[in-house]
């Protein structure tokens, strides 16, 4: 996404795409339809969030097959509920499988990934 002053202006929640019609017409090379304008506004406003989500997905995909040590105590991981920790004990052998256990949540799997990364750096 272009990082022009107009794009930065459009990122503001109070700004609407209609205020930038001359700039948008210049970028697109002519008049545009309302749906196109809404798409432009949405993409500009949420570009940072979309990029962040894309990076998280890539990181999770690369860590899916990371083996979980058999001695790992899930119940002691901050932010993971006792129910999730207990259900993972004895079953979860890699990050991908831990996400498939019934009581798992995406947040708990992400916490497990972060916890294992931090434990790996400390150890």
PDB file of N, CA and C in Angstrom:
ATOM      1  N   UNK A   1       0.848  -1.170   0.000  1.00  0.00           N
ATOM      2  CA  UNK A   1       0.000   0.000   0.000  1.00  0.00           C
ATOM      3  C   UNK A   1       0.891   1.230   0.000  1.00  0.00           C
ATOM      4  N   UNK A   2       0.515   2.207  -0.765  1.00  0.00           N
ATOM      5  CA  UNK A   2       1.277   3.449  -0.874  1.00  0.00           C
ATOM      6  C   UNK A   2       1.276   4.188   0.464  1.00  0.00           C
ATOM      7  N   UNK A   3       2.411   4.776   0.803  1.00  0.00           N
ATOM      8  CA  UNK A   3       2.513   5.492   2.069  1.00  0.00           C
ATOM      9  C   UNK A   3       2.545   6.995   1.837  1.00  0.00           C
ATOM     10  N   UNK A   4       1.602   7.493   1.072  1.00  0.00           N
ATOM     11  CA  UNK A   4       1.510   8.926   0.805  1.00  0.00           C
ATOM     12  C   UNK A   4       0.830   9.620   1.978  1.00  0.00           C
ATOM     13  N   UNK A   5       0.938  10.960   2.028  1.00  0.00           N
ATOM     14  CA  UNK A   5       0.219  11.695   3.084  1.00  0.00           C
ATOM     15  C   UNK A   5      -1.285  11.433   3.038  1.00  0.00           C
ATOM     16  N   UNK A   6      -1.832  11.220   1.839  1.00  0.00           N
ATOM     17  CA  UNK A   6      -3.265  10.939   1.731  1.00  0.00           C
ATOM     18  C   UNK A   6      -3.618   9.587   2.340  1.00  0.00           C
ATOM     19  N   UNK A   7      -2.749   8.585   2.136  1.00  0.00           N
ATOM     20  CA  UNK A   7      -3.008   7.273   2.730  1.00  0.00           C
ATOM     21  C   UNK A   7      -2.940   7.369   4.252  1.00  0.00           C
ATOM     22  N   UNK A   8      -1.967   8.115   4.781  1.00  0.00           N
ATOM     23  CA  UNK A   8      -1.863   8.306   6.224  1.00  0.00           C
ATOM     24  C   UNK A   8      -3.102   9.033   6.754  1.00  0.00           C
ATOM     25  N   UNK A   9      -3.580  10.011   6.013  1.00  0.00           N
ATOM     26  CA  UNK A   9      -4.784  10.756   6.393  1.00  0.00           C
ATOM     27  C   UNK A   9      -5.995   9.833   6.424  1.00  0.00           C
ATOM     28  N   UNK A  10      -6.107   8.956   5.430  1.00  0.00           N
ATOM     29  CA  UNK A  10      -7.246   8.049   5.331  1.00  0.00           C
ATOM     30  C   UNK A  10      -7.237   7.003   6.443  1.00  0.00           C
ATOM     31  N   UNK A  11      -6.087   6.712   7.015  1.00  0.00           N
ATOM     32  CA  UNK A  11      -6.013   5.736   8.105  1.00  0.00           C
ATOM     33  C   UNK A  11      -6.735   6.233   9.358  1.00  0.00           C
ATOM     34  N   UNK A  12      -6.905   7.521   9.496  1.00  0.00           N
ATOM     35  CA  UNK A  12      -7.586   8.073  10.669  1.00  0.00           C
ATOM     36  C   UNK A  12      -9.036   7.598  10.693  1.00  0.00           C
ATOM     37  N   UNK A  13      -9.518   7.167  11.847  1.00  0.00           N
ATOM     38  CA  UNK A  13     -10.899   6.648  11.925  1.00  0.00           C
ATOM     39  C   UNK A  13     -11.959   7.653  11.495  1.00  0.00           C
ATOM     40  N   UNK A  14     -11.747   8.934  11.757  1.00  0.00           N
ATOM     41  CA  UNK A  14     -12.759   9.939  11.444  1.00  0.00           C
ATOM     42  C   UNK A  14     -12.773  10.343   9.980  1.00  0.00           C
ATOM     43  N   UNK A  15     -11.772   9.944   9.216  1.00  0.00           N
ATOM     44  CA  UNK A  15     -11.661  10.322   7.807  1.00  0.00           C
ATOM     45  C   UNK A  15     -12.460   9.357   6.939  1.00  0.00           C
ATOM     46  N   UNK A  16     -13.148   9.904   5.975  1.00  0.00           N
ATOM     47  CA  UNK A  16     -13.910   9.096   5.025  1.00  0.00           C
ATOM     48  C   UNK A  16     -13.309   9.246   3.644  1.00  0.00           C
ATOM     49  N   UNK A  17     -13.455   8.220   2.852  1.00  0.00           N
ATOM     50  CA  UNK A  17     -12.835   8.178   1.533  1.00  0.00           C
ATOM     51  C   UNK A  17     -13.348   9.289   0.615  1.00  0.00           C
ATOM     52  N   UNK A  18     -14.549   9.736   0.825  1.00  0.00           N
ATOM     53  CA  UNK A  18     -15.098  10.799  -0.011  1.00  0.00           C
ATOM     54  C   UNK A  18     -14.280  12.078   0.031  1.00  0.00           C
ATOM     55  N   UNK A  19     -13.583  12.301   1.131  1.00  0.00           N
ATOM     56  CA  UNK A  19     -12.755  13.490   1.264  1.00  0.00           C
ATOM     57  C   UNK A  19     -11.528  13.444   0.346  1.00  0.00           C
ATOM     58  N   UNK A  20     -11.210  12.277  -0.143  1.00  0.00           N
ATOM     59  CA  UNK A  20     -10.008  12.109  -0.972  1.00  0.00           C
ATOM     60  C   UNK A  20     -10.323  11.764  -2.428  1.00  0.00           C
ATOM     61  N   UNK A  21     -11.543  12.045  -2.851  1.00  0.00           N
ATOM     62  CA  UNK A  21     -11.949  11.686  -4.220  1.00  0.00           C
ATOM     63  C   UNK A  21     -10.992  12.206  -5.294  1.00  0.00           C
ATOM     64  N   UNK A  22     -10.525  13.447  -5.245  1.00  0.00           N
ATOM     65  CA  UNK A  22      -9.598  13.898  -6.285  1.00  0.00           C
ATOM     66  C   UNK A  22      -8.312  13.057  -6.322  1.00  0.00           C
ATOM     67  N   UNK A  23      -7.755  12.753  -5.166  1.00  0.00           N
ATOM     68  CA  UNK A  23      -6.527  11.942  -5.107  1.00  0.00           C
ATOM     69  C   UNK A  23      -6.775  10.525  -5.633  1.00  0.00           C
ATOM     70  N   UNK A  24      -7.883   9.922  -5.193  1.00  0.00           N
ATOM     71  CA  UNK A  24      -8.203   8.558  -5.628  1.00  0.00           C
ATOM     72  C   UNK A  24      -8.438   8.511  -7.132  1.00  0.00           C
ATOM     73  N   UNK A  25      -9.166   9.482  -7.655  1.00  0.00           N
ATOM     74  CA  UNK A  25      -9.397   9.532  -9.099  1.00  0.00           C
ATOM     75  C   UNK A  25      -8.076   9.620  -9.850  1.00  0.00           C
ATOM     76  N   UNK A  26      -7.128  10.376  -9.314  1.00  0.00           N
ATOM     77  CA  UNK A  26      -5.815  10.482  -9.946  1.00  0.00           C
ATOM     78  C   UNK A  26      -5.050   9.174  -9.907  1.00  0.00           C
ATOM     79  N   UNK A  27      -5.097   8.471  -8.778  1.00  0.00           N
ATOM     80  CA  UNK A  27      -4.395   7.188  -8.644  1.00  0.00           C
ATOM     81  C   UNK A  27      -5.026   6.135  -9.547  1.00  0.00           C
ATOM     82  N   UNK A  28      -6.368   6.115  -9.600  1.00  0.00           N
ATOM     83  CA  UNK A  28      -7.068   5.104 -10.399  1.00  0.00           C
ATOM     84  C   UNK A  28      -7.181   5.494 -11.868  1.00  0.00           C
ATOM     85  N   UNK A  29      -6.897   6.734 -12.161  1.00  0.00           N
ATOM     86  CA  UNK A  29      -6.975   7.181 -13.551  1.00  0.00           C
ATOM     87  C   UNK A  29      -8.382   7.508 -14.011  1.00  0.00           C
ATOM     88  N   UNK A  30      -9.254   7.900 -13.129  1.00  0.00           N
ATOM     89  CA  UNK A  30     -10.618   8.275 -13.517  1.00  0.00           C
ATOM     90  C   UNK A  30     -11.579   8.096 -12.362  1.00  0.00           C
ATOM     91  N   UNK A  31     -12.848   8.270 -12.660  1.00  0.00           N
ATOM     92  CA  UNK A  31     -13.885   8.128 -11.641  1.00  0.00           C
ATOM     93  C   UNK A  31     -13.970   6.669 -11.185  1.00  0.00           C
ATOM     94  N   UNK A  32     -14.459   6.477  -9.981  1.00  0.00           N
ATOM     95  CA  UNK A  32     -14.582   5.113  -9.465  1.00  0.00           C
ATOM     96  C   UNK A  32     -15.963   4.918  -8.851  1.00  0.00           C
ATOM     97  N   UNK A  33     -16.316   3.696  -8.658  1.00  0.00           N
ATOM     98  CA  UNK A  33     -17.612   3.346  -8.079  1.00  0.00           C
ATOM     99  C   UNK A  33     -17.512   3.307  -6.557  1.00  0.00           C
ATOM    100  N   UNK A  34     -18.652   3.382  -5.911  1.00  0.00           N
ATOM    101  CA  UNK A  34     -18.714   3.433  -4.449  1.00  0.00           C
ATOM    102  C   UNK A  34     -18.067   2.203  -3.811  1.00  0.00           C
ATOM    103  N   UNK A  35     -18.304   1.018  -4.361  1.00  0.00           N
ATOM    104  CA  UNK A  35     -17.738  -0.203  -3.776  1.00  0.00           C
ATOM    105  C   UNK A  35     -16.216  -0.209  -3.872  1.00  0.00           C
ATOM    106  N   UNK A  36     -15.689   0.317  -4.957  1.00  0.00           N
ATOM    107  CA  UNK A  36     -14.238   0.412  -5.103  1.00  0.00           C
ATOM    108  C   UNK A  36     -13.691   1.357  -4.051  1.00  0.00           C
ATOM    109  N   UNK A  37     -14.376   2.477  -3.846  1.00  0.00           N
ATOM    110  CA  UNK A  37     -13.934   3.442  -2.845  1.00  0.00           C
ATOM    111  C   UNK A  37     -13.968   2.838  -1.439  1.00  0.00           C
ATOM    112  N   UNK A  38     -15.002   2.082  -1.136  1.00  0.00           N
ATOM    113  CA  UNK A  38     -15.086   1.431   0.167  1.00  0.00           C
ATOM    114  C   UNK A  38     -13.951   0.432   0.337  1.00  0.00           C
ATOM    115  N   UNK A  39     -13.618  -0.296  -0.729  1.00  0.00           N
ATOM    116  CA  UNK A  39     -12.517  -1.253  -0.679  1.00  0.00           C
ATOM    117  C   UNK A  39     -11.193  -0.538  -0.426  1.00  0.00           C
ATOM    118  N   UNK A  40     -10.974   0.558  -1.118  1.00  0.00           N
ATOM    119  CA  UNK A  40      -9.749   1.341  -0.919  1.00  0.00           C
ATOM    120  C   UNK A  40      -9.673   1.818   0.526  1.00  0.00           C
ATOM    121  N   UNK A  41     -10.761   2.364   1.032  1.00  0.00           N
ATOM    122  CA  UNK A  41     -10.786   2.871   2.406  1.00  0.00           C
ATOM    123  C   UNK A  41     -10.477   1.752   3.401  1.00  0.00           C
ATOM    124  N   UNK A  42     -11.112   0.617   3.240  1.00  0.00           N
ATOM    125  CA  UNK A  42     -10.907  -0.512   4.145  1.00  0.00           C
ATOM    126  C   UNK A  42      -9.466  -1.005   4.097  1.00  0.00           C
ATOM    127  N   UNK A  43      -8.922  -1.157   2.892  1.00  0.00           N
ATOM    128  CA  UNK A  43      -7.563  -1.659   2.762  1.00  0.00           C
ATOM    129  C   UNK A  43      -6.541  -0.701   3.364  1.00  0.00           C
ATOM    130  N   UNK A  44      -6.752   0.583   3.191  1.00  0.00           N
ATOM    131  CA  UNK A  44      -5.822   1.569   3.758  1.00  0.00           C
ATOM    132  C   UNK A  44      -5.927   1.575   5.280  1.00  0.00           C
ATOM    133  N   UNK A  45      -7.150   1.598   5.801  1.00  0.00           N
ATOM    134  CA  UNK A  45      -7.343   1.691   7.251  1.00  0.00           C
ATOM    135  C   UNK A  45      -6.849   0.447   7.983  1.00  0.00           C
ATOM    136  N   UNK A  46      -6.975  -0.722   7.363  1.00  0.00           N
ATOM    137  CA  UNK A  46      -6.656  -1.966   8.047  1.00  0.00           C
ATOM    138  C   UNK A  46      -5.378  -2.632   7.556  1.00  0.00           C
ATOM    139  N   UNK A  47      -4.595  -1.966   6.744  1.00  0.00           N
ATOM    140  CA  UNK A  47      -3.375  -2.564   6.191  1.00  0.00           C
ATOM    141  C   UNK A  47      -2.434  -3.050   7.289  1.00  0.00           C
ATOM    142  N   UNK A  48      -2.257  -2.266   8.335  1.00  0.00           N
ATOM    143  CA  UNK A  48      -1.363  -2.659   9.428  1.00  0.00           C
ATOM    144  C   UNK A  48      -1.846  -3.912  10.139  1.00  0.00           C
ATOM    145  N   UNK A  49      -3.145  -3.996  10.390  1.00  0.00           N
ATOM    146  CA  UNK A  49      -3.706  -5.167  11.057  1.00  0.00           C
ATOM    147  C   UNK A  49      -3.590  -6.413  10.171  1.00  0.00           C
ATOM    148  N   UNK A  50      -3.849  -6.238   8.888  1.00  0.00           N
ATOM    149  CA  UNK A  50      -3.764  -7.362   7.957  1.00  0.00           C
ATOM    150  C   UNK A  50      -2.333  -7.873   7.869  1.00  0.00           C
ATOM    151  N   UNK A  51      -1.362  -6.957   7.803  1.00  0.00           N
ATOM    152  CA  UNK A  51       0.043  -7.366   7.776  1.00  0.00           C
ATOM    153  C   UNK A  51       0.429  -8.102   9.053  1.00  0.00           C
ATOM    154  N   UNK A  52      -0.044  -7.613  10.188  1.00  0.00           N
ATOM    155  CA  UNK A  52       0.248  -8.263  11.466  1.00  0.00           C
ATOM    156  C   UNK A  52      -0.337  -9.674  11.497  1.00  0.00           C
ATOM    157  N   UNK A  53      -1.571  -9.833  11.047  1.00  0.00           N
ATOM    158  CA  UNK A  53      -2.190 -11.148  11.010  1.00  0.00           C
ATOM    159  C   UNK A  53      -1.447 -12.089  10.069  1.00  0.00           C
ATOM    160  N   UNK A  54      -1.023 -11.569   8.925  1.00  0.00           N
ATOM    161  CA  UNK A  54      -0.262 -12.372   7.962  1.00  0.00           C
ATOM    162  C   UNK A  54       1.038 -12.880   8.594  1.00  0.00           C
ATOM    163  N   UNK A  55       1.734 -12.008   9.330  1.00  0.00           N
ATOM    164  CA  UNK A  55       2.981 -12.418   9.998  1.00  0.00           C
ATOM    165  C   UNK A  55       2.705 -13.471  11.061  1.00  0.00           C
ATOM    166  N   UNK A  56       1.614 -13.322  11.821  1.00  0.00           N
ATOM    167  CA  UNK A  56       1.263 -14.316  12.836  1.00  0.00           C
ATOM    168  C   UNK A  56       0.954 -15.668  12.199  1.00  0.00           C
ATOM    169  N   UNK A  57       0.229 -15.657  11.096  1.00  0.00           N
ATOM    170  CA  UNK A  57      -0.101 -16.899  10.397  1.00  0.00           C
ATOM    171  C   UNK A  57       1.168 -17.580   9.908  1.00  0.00           C
ATOM    172  N   UNK A  58       2.075 -16.812   9.322  1.00  0.00           N
ATOM    173  CA  UNK A  58       3.331 -17.382   8.840  1.00  0.00           C
ATOM    174  C   UNK A  58       4.137 -17.987   9.987  1.00  0.00           C
ATOM    175  N   UNK A  59       4.180 -17.275  11.120  1.00  0.00           N
ATOM    176  CA  UNK A  59       4.924 -17.789  12.269  1.00  0.00           C
ATOM    177  C   UNK A  59       4.294 -19.069  12.803  1.00  0.00           C
ATOM    178  N   UNK A  60       2.972 -19.103  12.882  1.00  0.00           N
ATOM    179  CA  UNK A  60       2.296 -20.303  13.376  1.00  0.00           C
ATOM    180  C   UNK A  60       2.478 -21.471  12.417  1.00  0.00           C
ATOM    181  N   UNK A  61       2.453 -21.210  11.115  1.00  0.00           N
ATOM    182  CA  UNK A  61       2.652 -22.288  10.154  1.00  0.00           C
ATOM    183  C   UNK A  61       4.051 -22.874  10.267  1.00  0.00           C
ATOM    184  N   UNK A  62       5.039 -22.023  10.528  1.00  0.00           N
ATOM    185  CA  UNK A  62       6.404 -22.523  10.638  1.00  0.00           C
ATOM    186  C   UNK A  62       6.636 -23.253  11.955  1.00  0.00           C
ATOM    187  N   UNK A  63       5.793 -23.003  12.960  1.00  0.00           N
ATOM    188  CA  UNK A  63       5.984 -23.663  14.250  1.00  0.00           C
ATOM    189  C   UNK A  63       5.026 -24.839  14.461  1.00  0.00           C
ATOM    190  N   UNK A  64       4.143 -25.090  13.508  1.00  0.00           N
ATOM    191  CA  UNK A  64       3.159 -26.170  13.654  1.00  0.00           C
ATOM    192  C   UNK A  64       3.787 -27.515  13.990  1.00  0.00           C
ATOM    193  N   UNK A  65       4.889 -27.831  13.361  1.00  0.00           N
ATOM    194  CA  UNK A  65       5.478 -29.156  13.546  1.00  0.00           C
ATOM    195  C   UNK A  65       6.509 -29.191  14.678  1.00  0.00           C
ATOM    196  N   UNK A  66       6.660 -28.088  15.407  1.00  0.00           N
ATOM    197  CA  UNK A  66       7.628 -28.056  16.511  1.00  0.00           C
ATOM    198  C   UNK A  66       7.210 -29.067  17.567  1.00  0.00           C
ATOM    199  N   UNK A  67       8.135 -29.940  17.922  1.00  0.00           N
ATOM    200  CA  UNK A  67       7.853 -30.976  18.917  1.00  0.00           C
ATOM    201  C   UNK A  67       7.750 -30.363  20.306  1.00  0.00           C
ATOM    202  N   UNK A  68       6.825 -30.887  21.087  1.00  0.00           N
ATOM    203  CA  UNK A  68       6.653 -30.462  22.471  1.00  0.00           C
ATOM    204  C   UNK A  68       7.363 -31.485  23.351  1.00  0.00           C
ATOM    205  N   UNK A  69       8.269 -31.034  24.208  1.00  0.00           N
ATOM    206  CA  UNK A  69       8.972 -31.972  25.082  1.00  0.00           C
ATOM    207  C   UNK A  69       7.988 -32.755  25.954  1.00  0.00           C
ATOM    208  N   UNK A  70       8.239 -34.043  26.119  1.00  0.00           N
ATOM    209  CA  UNK A  70       7.359 -34.878  26.926  1.00  0.00           C
ATOM    210  C   UNK A  70       7.266 -34.435  28.365  1.00  0.00           C
ATOM    211  N   UNK A  71       8.265 -33.726  28.855  1.00  0.00           N
ATOM    212  CA  UNK A  71       8.276 -33.279  30.249  1.00  0.00           C
ATOM    213  C   UNK A  71       7.577 -31.932  30.459  1.00  0.00           C
ATOM    214  N   UNK A  72       7.026 -31.359  29.398  1.00  0.00           N
ATOM    215  CA  UNK A  72       6.418 -30.025  29.525  1.00  0.00           C
ATOM    216  C   UNK A  72       5.189 -30.076  30.423  1.00  0.00           C
ATOM    217  N   UNK A  73       5.139 -29.128  31.359  1.00  0.00           N
ATOM    218  CA  UNK A  73       4.005 -28.970  32.266  1.00  0.00           C
ATOM    219  C   UNK A  73       3.111 -27.869  31.714  1.00  0.00           C
ATOM    220  N   UNK A  74       2.028 -28.224  31.065  1.00  0.00           N
ATOM    221  CA  UNK A  74       1.140 -27.246  30.436  1.00  0.00           C
ATOM    222  C   UNK A  74       0.390 -26.399  31.447  1.00  0.00           C
ATOM    223  N   UNK A  75       0.055 -26.998  32.586  1.00  0.00           N
ATOM    224  CA  UNK A  75      -0.752 -26.299  33.579  1.00  0.00           C
ATOM    225  C   UNK A  75      -0.020 -25.071  34.112  1.00  0.00           C
ATOM    226  N   UNK A  76       1.281 -25.061  34.087  1.00  0.00           N
ATOM    227  CA  UNK A  76       2.044 -23.944  34.612  1.00  0.00           C
ATOM    228  C   UNK A  76       2.275 -22.803  33.640  1.00  0.00           C
ATOM    229  N   UNK A  77       1.797 -22.914  32.420  1.00  0.00           N
ATOM    230  CA  UNK A  77       2.014 -21.863  31.423  1.00  0.00           C
ATOM    231  C   UNK A  77       1.050 -20.714  31.707  1.00  0.00           C
ATOM    232  N   UNK A  78       1.594 -19.514  31.955  1.00  0.00           N
ATOM    233  CA  UNK A  78       0.717 -18.371  32.250  1.00  0.00           C
ATOM    234  C   UNK A  78      -0.241 -18.087  31.091  1.00  0.00           C
ATOM    235  N   UNK A  79      -1.509 -17.892  31.429  1.00  0.00           N
ATOM    236  CA  UNK A  79      -2.512 -17.551  30.428  1.00  0.00           C
ATOM    237  C   UNK A  79      -3.258 -18.743  29.855  1.00  0.00           C
ATOM    238  N   UNK A  80      -2.795 -19.946  30.118  1.00  0.00           N
ATOM    239  CA  UNK A  80      -3.491 -21.149  29.628  1.00  0.00           C
ATOM    240  C   UNK A  80      -4.330 -21.698  30.774  1.00  0.00           C
ATOM    241  N   UNK A  81      -5.599 -21.913  30.516  1.00  0.00           N
ATOM    242  CA  UNK A  81      -6.498 -22.380  31.573  1.00  0.00           C
ATOM    243  C   UNK A  81      -6.099 -23.774  32.039  1.00  0.00           C
ATOM    244  N   UNK A  82      -6.487 -24.087  33.258  1.00  0.00           N
ATOM    245  CA  UNK A  82      -6.189 -25.408  33.819  1.00  0.00           C
ATOM    246  C   UNK A  82      -6.824 -26.492  32.946  1.00  0.00           C
ATOM    247  N   UNK A  83      -8.050 -26.241  32.486  1.00  0.00           N
ATOM    248  CA  UNK A  83      -8.754 -27.229  31.656  1.00  0.00           C
ATOM    249  C   UNK A  83      -7.966 -27.544  30.385  1.00  0.00           C
ATOM    250  N   UNK A  84      -7.480 -26.513  29.702  1.00  0.00           N
ATOM    251  CA  UNK A  84      -6.701 -26.717  28.478  1.00  0.00           C
ATOM    252  C   UNK A  84      -5.398 -27.421  28.807  1.00  0.00           C
ATOM    253  N   UNK A  85      -4.703 -26.960  29.853  1.00  0.00           N
ATOM    254  CA  UNK A  85      -3.433 -27.572  30.242  1.00  0.00           C
ATOM    255  C   UNK A  85      -3.581 -29.041  30.575  1.00  0.00           C
ATOM    256  N   UNK A  86      -4.635 -29.378  31.311  1.00  0.00           N
ATOM    257  CA  UNK A  86      -4.857 -30.775  31.673  1.00  0.00           C
ATOM    258  C   UNK A  86      -5.213 -31.614  30.455  1.00  0.00           C
ATOM    259  N   UNK A  87      -5.971 -31.064  29.531  1.00  0.00           N
ATOM    260  CA  UNK A  87      -6.351 -31.842  28.343  1.00  0.00           C
ATOM    261  C   UNK A  87      -5.154 -32.062  27.422  1.00  0.00           C
ATOM    262  N   UNK A  88      -4.208 -31.125  27.423  1.00  0.00           N
ATOM    263  CA  UNK A  88      -3.017 -31.288  26.595  1.00  0.00           C
ATOM    264  C   UNK A  88      -2.046 -32.315  27.187  1.00  0.00           C
ATOM    265  N   UNK A  89      -2.025 -32.432  28.510  1.00  0.00           N
ATOM    266  CA  UNK A  89      -1.081 -33.344  29.164  1.00  0.00           C
ATOM    267  C   UNK A  89      -1.304 -34.769  28.667  1.00  0.00           C
ATOM    268  N   UNK A  90      -0.251 -35.372  28.206  1.00  0.00           N
ATOM    269  CA  UNK A  90      -0.312 -36.755  27.741  1.00  0.00           C
ATOM    270  C   UNK A  90      -0.729 -36.909  26.292  1.00  0.00           C
ATOM    271  N   UNK A  91      -1.245 -35.847  25.663  1.00  0.00           N
ATOM    272  CA  UNK A  91      -1.703 -35.958  24.288  1.00  0.00           C
ATOM    273  C   UNK A  91      -0.925 -35.083  23.320  1.00  0.00           C
ATOM    274  N   UNK A  92      -0.685 -33.848  23.693  1.00  0.00           N
ATOM    275  CA  UNK A  92      -0.083 -32.897  22.766  1.00  0.00           C
ATOM    276  C   UNK A  92       1.400 -33.215  22.559  1.00  0.00           C
ATOM    277  N   UNK A  93       1.770 -33.533  21.324  1.00  0.00           N
ATOM    278  CA  UNK A  93       3.160 -33.852  21.003  1.00  0.00           C
ATOM    279  C   UNK A  93       3.793 -32.830  20.066  1.00  0.00           C
ATOM    280  N   UNK A  94       2.954 -32.028  19.409  1.00  0.00           N
ATOM    281  CA  UNK A  94       3.450 -30.912  18.608  1.00  0.00           C
ATOM    282  C   UNK A  94       2.412 -29.806  18.633  1.00  0.00           C
ATOM    283  N   UNK A  95       2.816 -28.624  18.199  1.00  0.00           N
ATOM    284  CA  UNK A  95       1.938 -27.464  18.294  1.00  0.00           C
ATOM    285  C   UNK A  95       0.666 -27.660  17.479  1.00  0.00           C
ATOM    286  N   UNK A  96       0.784 -28.250  16.289  1.00  0.00           N
ATOM    287  CA  UNK A  96      -0.404 -28.462  15.445  1.00  0.00           C
ATOM    288  C   UNK A  96      -1.413 -29.362  16.154  1.00  0.00           C
ATOM    289  N   UNK A  97      -0.949 -30.470  16.730  1.00  0.00           N
ATOM    290  CA  UNK A  97      -1.857 -31.397  17.398  1.00  0.00           C
ATOM    291  C   UNK A  97      -2.500 -30.748  18.619  1.00  0.00           C
ATOM    292  N   UNK A  98      -1.763 -29.910  19.337  1.00  0.00           N
ATOM    293  CA  UNK A  98      -2.344 -29.267  20.518  1.00  0.00           C
ATOM    294  C   UNK A  98      -3.564 -28.428  20.136  1.00  0.00           C
ATOM    295  N   UNK A  99      -3.558 -27.839  18.943  1.00  0.00           N
ATOM    296  CA  UNK A  99      -4.686 -27.046  18.488  1.00  0.00           C
ATOM    297  C   UNK A  99      -5.893 -27.873  18.094  1.00  0.00           C
ATOM    298  N   UNK A 100      -5.700 -29.177  17.907  1.00  0.00           N
ATOM    299  CA  UNK A 100      -6.805 -30.051  17.495  1.00  0.00           C
ATOM    300  C   UNK A 100      -7.525 -30.688  18.671  1.00  0.00           C
ATOM    301  N   UNK A 101      -6.996 -30.524  19.867  1.00  0.00           N
ATOM    302  CA  UNK A 101      -7.642 -31.079  21.055  1.00  0.00           C
ATOM    303  C   UNK A 101      -8.866 -30.222  21.374  1.00  0.00           C
ATOM    304  N   UNK A 102      -9.952 -30.854  21.720  1.00  0.00           N
ATOM    305  CA  UNK A 102     -11.265 -30.223  21.854  1.00  0.00           C
ATOM    306  C   UNK A 102     -11.263 -28.945  22.688  1.00  0.00           C
ATOM    307  N   UNK A 103     -10.585 -28.930  23.818  1.00  0.00           N
ATOM    308  CA  UNK A 103     -10.640 -27.756  24.699  1.00  0.00           C
ATOM    309  C   UNK A 103      -9.704 -26.633  24.260  1.00  0.00           C
ATOM    310  N   UNK A 104      -8.912 -26.848  23.236  1.00  0.00           N
ATOM    311  CA  UNK A 104      -7.948 -25.842  22.787  1.00  0.00           C
ATOM    312  C   UNK A 104      -8.638 -24.626  22.198  1.00  0.00           C
ATOM    313  N   UNK A 105      -7.981 -23.498  22.345  1.00  0.00           N
ATOM    314  CA  UNK A 105      -8.422 -22.269  21.695  1.00  0.00           C
ATOM    315  C   UNK A 105      -7.244 -21.734  20.887  1.00  0.00           C
ATOM    316  N   UNK A 106      -7.505 -20.947  19.853  1.00  0.00           N
ATOM    317  CA  UNK A 106      -6.395 -20.356  19.096  1.00  0.00           C
ATOM    318  C   UNK A 106      -5.457 -19.540  19.991  1.00  0.00           C
ATOM    319  N   UNK A 107      -6.025 -18.847  20.973  1.00  0.00           N
ATOM    320  CA  UNK A 107      -5.189 -18.058  21.876  1.00  0.00           C
ATOM    321  C   UNK A 107      -4.279 -18.951  22.709  1.00  0.00           C
ATOM    322  N   UNK A 108      -4.794 -20.077  23.186  1.00  0.00           N
ATOM    323  CA  UNK A 108      -3.983 -20.989  23.989  1.00  0.00           C
ATOM    324  C   UNK A 108      -2.845 -21.580  23.158  1.00  0.00           C
ATOM    325  N   UNK A 109      -3.126 -21.927  21.911  1.00  0.00           N
ATOM    326  CA  UNK A 109      -2.085 -22.472  21.032  1.00  0.00           C
ATOM    327  C   UNK A 109      -1.024 -21.407  20.765  1.00  0.00           C
ATOM    328  N   UNK A 110      -1.440 -20.172  20.553  1.00  0.00           N
ATOM    329  CA  UNK A 110      -0.481 -19.079  20.342  1.00  0.00           C
ATOM    330  C   UNK A 110       0.366 -18.870  21.595  1.00  0.00           C
ATOM    331  N   UNK A 111      -0.238 -18.934  22.789  1.00  0.00           N
ATOM    332  CA  UNK A 111       0.514 -18.808  24.032  1.00  0.00           C
ATOM    333  C   UNK A 111       1.523 -19.945  24.182  1.00  0.00           C
ATOM    334  N   UNK A 112       1.112 -21.146  23.834  1.00  0.00           N
ATOM    335  CA  UNK A 112       2.030 -22.291  23.881  1.00  0.00           C
ATOM    336  C   UNK A 112       3.229 -22.042  22.980  1.00  0.00           C
ATOM    337  N   UNK A 113       2.974 -21.556  21.776  1.00  0.00           N
ATOM    338  CA  UNK A 113       4.051 -21.275  20.831  1.00  0.00           C
ATOM    339  C   UNK A 113       5.015 -20.229  21.389  1.00  0.00           C
ATOM    340  N   UNK A 114       4.474 -19.141  21.930  1.00  0.00           N
ATOM    341  CA  UNK A 114       5.302 -18.085  22.513  1.00  0.00           C
ATOM    342  C   UNK A 114       6.081 -18.616  23.707  1.00  0.00           C
ATOM    343  N   UNK A 115       5.418 -19.383  24.570  1.00  0.00           N
ATOM    344  CA  UNK A 115       6.064 -19.932  25.748  1.00  0.00           C
ATOM    345  C   UNK A 115       7.222 -20.852  25.357  1.00  0.00           C
ATOM    346  N   UNK A 116       7.001 -21.698  24.369  1.00  0.00           N
ATOM    347  CA  UNK A 116       8.062 -22.599  23.926  1.00  0.00           C
ATOM    348  C   UNK A 116       9.223 -21.809  23.302  1.00  0.00           C
ATOM    349  N   UNK A 117       8.919 -20.749  22.563  1.00  0.00           N
ATOM    350  CA  UNK A 117       9.979 -19.905  21.984  1.00  0.00           C
ATOM    351  C   UNK A 117      10.812 -19.254  23.067  1.00  0.00           C
ATOM    352  N   UNK A 118      10.149 -18.707  24.086  1.00  0.00           N
ATOM    353  CA  UNK A 118      10.864 -18.068  25.190  1.00  0.00           C
ATOM    354  C   UNK A 118      11.654 -19.082  26.010  1.00  0.00           C
ATOM    355  N   UNK A 119      11.080 -20.245  26.239  1.00  0.00           N
ATOM    356  CA  UNK A 119      11.782 -21.288  27.001  1.00  0.00           C
ATOM    357  C   UNK A 119      13.008 -21.764  26.225  1.00  0.00           C
ATOM    358  N   UNK A 120      12.896 -21.820  24.900  1.00  0.00           N
ATOM    359  CA  UNK A 120      14.016 -22.248  24.060  1.00  0.00           C
ATOM    360  C   UNK A 120      15.162 -21.255  24.103  1.00  0.00           C
ATOM    361  N   UNK A 121      14.848 -19.986  24.209  1.00  0.00           N
ATOM    362  CA  UNK A 121      15.888 -18.950  24.288  1.00  0.00           C
ATOM    363  C   UNK A 121      16.581 -18.959  25.638  1.00  0.00           C
ATOM    364  N   UNK A 122      15.784 -19.264  26.698  1.00  0.00           N
ATOM    365  CA  UNK A 122      16.347 -19.233  28.048  1.00  0.00           C
ATOM    366  C   UNK A 122      17.184 -20.477  28.321  1.00  0.00           C
ATOM    367  N   UNK A 123      16.831 -21.561  27.636  1.00  0.00           N
ATOM    368  CA  UNK A 123      17.486 -22.824  27.941  1.00  0.00           C
ATOM    369  C   UNK A 123      18.616 -23.162  27.107  1.00  0.00           C
TER     370      UNK A 123
END
